[in-house]
Amino acid sequence: MNSRGTPHDNELAEVRFLTVAEVATLMRVSKMTVYRLVHSGDLTAVRVGRSFRVPEHAVHEYLRGAFSQAA
């Protein structure tokens, strides 16, 4: 990351973005649940036009946090 805390260009090139449908399938929840997580700020996403893309690492971070809260 650079001095402002944002990823460098080469780090962005390595980010894998998932669609809301792919996240829903991965988490075995509905697309509406994913949209709720995005809108509440619990799941990081980037808006591209009228749709959202979720960085794969954000899904893993969310799930790690969910496991630690449930334990």
N, C-alpha and C. Protein backbone atom coordinates (compact mmCIF):
# COMPACT_ATOMS: atom_id res chain seq x y z
N MET A 1 0.83 -1.19 0.00
CA MET A 1 0.00 0.00 0.00
C MET A 1 0.87 1.24 0.00
N ASN A 2 0.33 2.31 -0.53
CA ASN A 2 1.10 3.54 -0.55
C ASN A 2 0.86 4.32 0.74
N SER A 3 1.39 5.52 0.82
CA SER A 3 1.33 6.31 2.06
C SER A 3 -0.09 6.70 2.45
N ARG A 4 -1.03 6.71 1.50
CA ARG A 4 -2.41 7.06 1.83
C ARG A 4 -3.24 5.85 2.22
N GLY A 5 -2.62 4.67 2.26
CA GLY A 5 -3.34 3.47 2.65
C GLY A 5 -4.15 2.83 1.54
N THR A 6 -3.88 3.22 0.30
CA THR A 6 -4.59 2.62 -0.83
C THR A 6 -3.64 1.67 -1.55
N PRO A 7 -4.19 0.64 -2.18
CA PRO A 7 -3.33 -0.35 -2.85
C PRO A 7 -2.57 0.25 -4.03
N HIS A 8 -1.38 -0.26 -4.27
CA HIS A 8 -0.60 0.12 -5.45
C HIS A 8 -1.24 -0.52 -6.67
N ASP A 9 -0.88 -0.03 -7.85
CA ASP A 9 -1.43 -0.56 -9.09
C ASP A 9 -1.16 -2.05 -9.24
N ASN A 10 0.05 -2.51 -8.88
CA ASN A 10 0.35 -3.93 -9.05
C ASN A 10 -0.45 -4.79 -8.08
N GLU A 11 -0.82 -4.26 -6.91
CA GLU A 11 -1.67 -5.00 -5.99
C GLU A 11 -3.09 -5.10 -6.54
N LEU A 12 -3.56 -4.02 -7.16
CA LEU A 12 -4.90 -4.04 -7.75
C LEU A 12 -4.99 -5.05 -8.89
N ALA A 13 -3.92 -5.22 -9.62
CA ALA A 13 -3.92 -6.17 -10.73
C ALA A 13 -4.11 -7.60 -10.24
N GLU A 14 -3.75 -7.85 -8.99
CA GLU A 14 -3.85 -9.20 -8.44
C GLU A 14 -5.19 -9.46 -7.75
N VAL A 15 -6.02 -8.42 -7.57
CA VAL A 15 -7.30 -8.58 -6.89
C VAL A 15 -8.27 -9.29 -7.81
N ARG A 16 -8.94 -10.31 -7.28
CA ARG A 16 -9.96 -11.02 -8.05
C ARG A 16 -11.31 -10.52 -7.57
N PHE A 17 -12.10 -9.98 -8.49
CA PHE A 17 -13.41 -9.46 -8.16
C PHE A 17 -14.48 -10.48 -8.48
N LEU A 18 -15.47 -10.58 -7.59
CA LEU A 18 -16.58 -11.50 -7.76
C LEU A 18 -17.87 -10.72 -7.95
N THR A 19 -18.79 -11.28 -8.71
CA THR A 19 -20.11 -10.67 -8.85
C THR A 19 -20.92 -10.99 -7.60
N VAL A 20 -22.02 -10.28 -7.42
CA VAL A 20 -22.91 -10.55 -6.29
C VAL A 20 -23.42 -11.99 -6.37
N ALA A 21 -23.74 -12.46 -7.56
CA ALA A 21 -24.22 -13.83 -7.73
C ALA A 21 -23.15 -14.85 -7.32
N GLU A 22 -21.89 -14.58 -7.68
CA GLU A 22 -20.80 -15.49 -7.31
C GLU A 22 -20.59 -15.51 -5.79
N VAL A 23 -20.69 -14.35 -5.16
CA VAL A 23 -20.55 -14.28 -3.71
C VAL A 23 -21.70 -15.05 -3.04
N ALA A 24 -22.91 -14.86 -3.55
CA ALA A 24 -24.07 -15.56 -3.00
C ALA A 24 -23.90 -17.07 -3.10
N THR A 25 -23.41 -17.54 -4.23
CA THR A 25 -23.18 -18.98 -4.41
C THR A 25 -22.09 -19.47 -3.47
N LEU A 26 -21.02 -18.71 -3.36
CA LEU A 26 -19.90 -19.09 -2.49
C LEU A 26 -20.34 -19.18 -1.03
N MET A 27 -21.16 -18.22 -0.60
CA MET A 27 -21.60 -18.18 0.80
C MET A 27 -22.88 -18.97 1.04
N ARG A 28 -23.50 -19.45 -0.04
CA ARG A 28 -24.76 -20.19 0.01
C ARG A 28 -25.87 -19.37 0.69
N VAL A 29 -25.99 -18.13 0.21
CA VAL A 29 -27.05 -17.24 0.64
C VAL A 29 -27.68 -16.63 -0.61
N SER A 30 -28.74 -15.86 -0.43
CA SER A 30 -29.38 -15.23 -1.58
C SER A 30 -28.60 -13.99 -2.01
N LYS A 31 -28.85 -13.56 -3.24
CA LYS A 31 -28.22 -12.33 -3.72
C LYS A 31 -28.67 -11.15 -2.88
N MET A 32 -29.92 -11.16 -2.42
CA MET A 32 -30.42 -10.06 -1.59
C MET A 32 -29.63 -9.96 -0.29
N THR A 33 -29.24 -11.09 0.28
CA THR A 33 -28.42 -11.07 1.50
C THR A 33 -27.08 -10.41 1.22
N VAL A 34 -26.49 -10.70 0.08
CA VAL A 34 -25.21 -10.09 -0.29
C VAL A 34 -25.40 -8.58 -0.46
N TYR A 35 -26.47 -8.17 -1.15
CA TYR A 35 -26.74 -6.74 -1.31
C TYR A 35 -26.91 -6.06 0.05
N ARG A 36 -27.58 -6.71 0.99
CA ARG A 36 -27.75 -6.14 2.33
C ARG A 36 -26.40 -5.97 3.02
N LEU A 37 -25.52 -6.97 2.90
CA LEU A 37 -24.20 -6.88 3.50
C LEU A 37 -23.39 -5.74 2.89
N VAL A 38 -23.51 -5.56 1.59
CA VAL A 38 -22.79 -4.49 0.90
C VAL A 38 -23.32 -3.13 1.34
N HIS A 39 -24.64 -2.98 1.33
CA HIS A 39 -25.24 -1.68 1.67
C HIS A 39 -25.03 -1.31 3.14
N SER A 40 -24.94 -2.31 4.01
CA SER A 40 -24.71 -2.03 5.43
C SER A 40 -23.24 -1.73 5.73
N GLY A 41 -22.38 -2.02 4.76
CA GLY A 41 -20.95 -1.79 4.96
C GLY A 41 -20.23 -2.97 5.58
N ASP A 42 -20.94 -4.07 5.82
CA ASP A 42 -20.31 -5.25 6.39
C ASP A 42 -19.43 -5.99 5.39
N LEU A 43 -19.72 -5.81 4.11
CA LEU A 43 -18.95 -6.46 3.05
C LEU A 43 -18.48 -5.38 2.07
N THR A 44 -17.19 -5.28 1.88
CA THR A 44 -16.60 -4.28 0.99
C THR A 44 -16.93 -4.61 -0.46
N ALA A 45 -17.32 -3.59 -1.21
CA ALA A 45 -17.62 -3.78 -2.63
C ALA A 45 -17.29 -2.51 -3.39
N VAL A 46 -17.12 -2.67 -4.69
CA VAL A 46 -16.86 -1.55 -5.59
C VAL A 46 -18.05 -1.47 -6.54
N ARG A 47 -18.57 -0.27 -6.71
CA ARG A 47 -19.68 -0.10 -7.64
C ARG A 47 -19.13 0.13 -9.03
N VAL A 48 -19.60 -0.67 -9.98
CA VAL A 48 -19.20 -0.55 -11.38
C VAL A 48 -20.49 -0.35 -12.17
N GLY A 49 -20.72 0.88 -12.59
CA GLY A 49 -21.99 1.17 -13.26
C GLY A 49 -23.13 0.96 -12.29
N ARG A 50 -24.06 0.09 -12.65
CA ARG A 50 -25.20 -0.19 -11.78
C ARG A 50 -25.03 -1.47 -10.97
N SER A 51 -23.87 -2.09 -11.07
CA SER A 51 -23.65 -3.35 -10.36
C SER A 51 -22.50 -3.23 -9.38
N PHE A 52 -22.34 -4.23 -8.55
CA PHE A 52 -21.27 -4.27 -7.56
C PHE A 52 -20.31 -5.39 -7.87
N ARG A 53 -19.05 -5.18 -7.53
CA ARG A 53 -18.04 -6.23 -7.58
C ARG A 53 -17.40 -6.29 -6.20
N VAL A 54 -17.23 -7.50 -5.71
CA VAL A 54 -16.71 -7.72 -4.36
C VAL A 54 -15.33 -8.34 -4.48
N PRO A 55 -14.31 -7.72 -3.88
CA PRO A 55 -12.99 -8.34 -3.89
C PRO A 55 -13.05 -9.68 -3.14
N GLU A 56 -12.43 -10.68 -3.72
CA GLU A 56 -12.49 -12.02 -3.12
C GLU A 56 -11.96 -12.00 -1.68
N HIS A 57 -10.91 -11.22 -1.43
CA HIS A 57 -10.35 -11.18 -0.08
C HIS A 57 -11.36 -10.61 0.92
N ALA A 58 -12.27 -9.74 0.47
CA ALA A 58 -13.28 -9.17 1.36
C ALA A 58 -14.26 -10.24 1.82
N VAL A 59 -14.58 -11.17 0.94
CA VAL A 59 -15.46 -12.28 1.33
C VAL A 59 -14.78 -13.13 2.39
N HIS A 60 -13.50 -13.44 2.19
CA HIS A 60 -12.77 -14.25 3.16
C HIS A 60 -12.65 -13.54 4.51
N GLU A 61 -12.39 -12.23 4.48
CA GLU A 61 -12.31 -11.46 5.72
C GLU A 61 -13.65 -11.46 6.45
N TYR A 62 -14.73 -11.27 5.71
CA TYR A 62 -16.06 -11.27 6.32
C TYR A 62 -16.35 -12.62 6.98
N LEU A 63 -16.05 -13.69 6.28
CA LEU A 63 -16.32 -15.03 6.82
C LEU A 63 -15.45 -15.31 8.03
N ARG A 64 -14.18 -14.89 8.01
CA ARG A 64 -13.31 -15.06 9.19
C ARG A 64 -13.90 -14.34 10.39
N GLY A 65 -14.37 -13.12 10.17
CA GLY A 65 -15.00 -12.35 11.24
C GLY A 65 -16.27 -12.99 11.75
N ALA A 66 -17.05 -13.57 10.85
CA ALA A 66 -18.29 -14.23 11.23
C ALA A 66 -18.01 -15.46 12.09
N PHE A 67 -16.95 -16.19 11.76
CA PHE A 67 -16.58 -17.37 12.56
C PHE A 67 -16.15 -16.97 13.94
N SER A 68 -15.37 -15.89 14.06
CA SER A 68 -14.88 -15.48 15.38
C SER A 68 -16.02 -14.92 16.24
N GLN A 69 -17.04 -14.31 15.62
CA GLN A 69 -18.18 -13.81 16.38
C GLN A 69 -19.06 -14.93 16.87
N ALA A 70 -19.15 -16.00 16.08
CA ALA A 70 -20.02 -17.13 16.43
C ALA A 70 -19.38 -18.01 17.50
N ALA A 71 -18.07 -17.96 17.64
CA ALA A 71 -17.38 -18.84 18.57
C ALA A 71 -17.51 -18.40 20.00
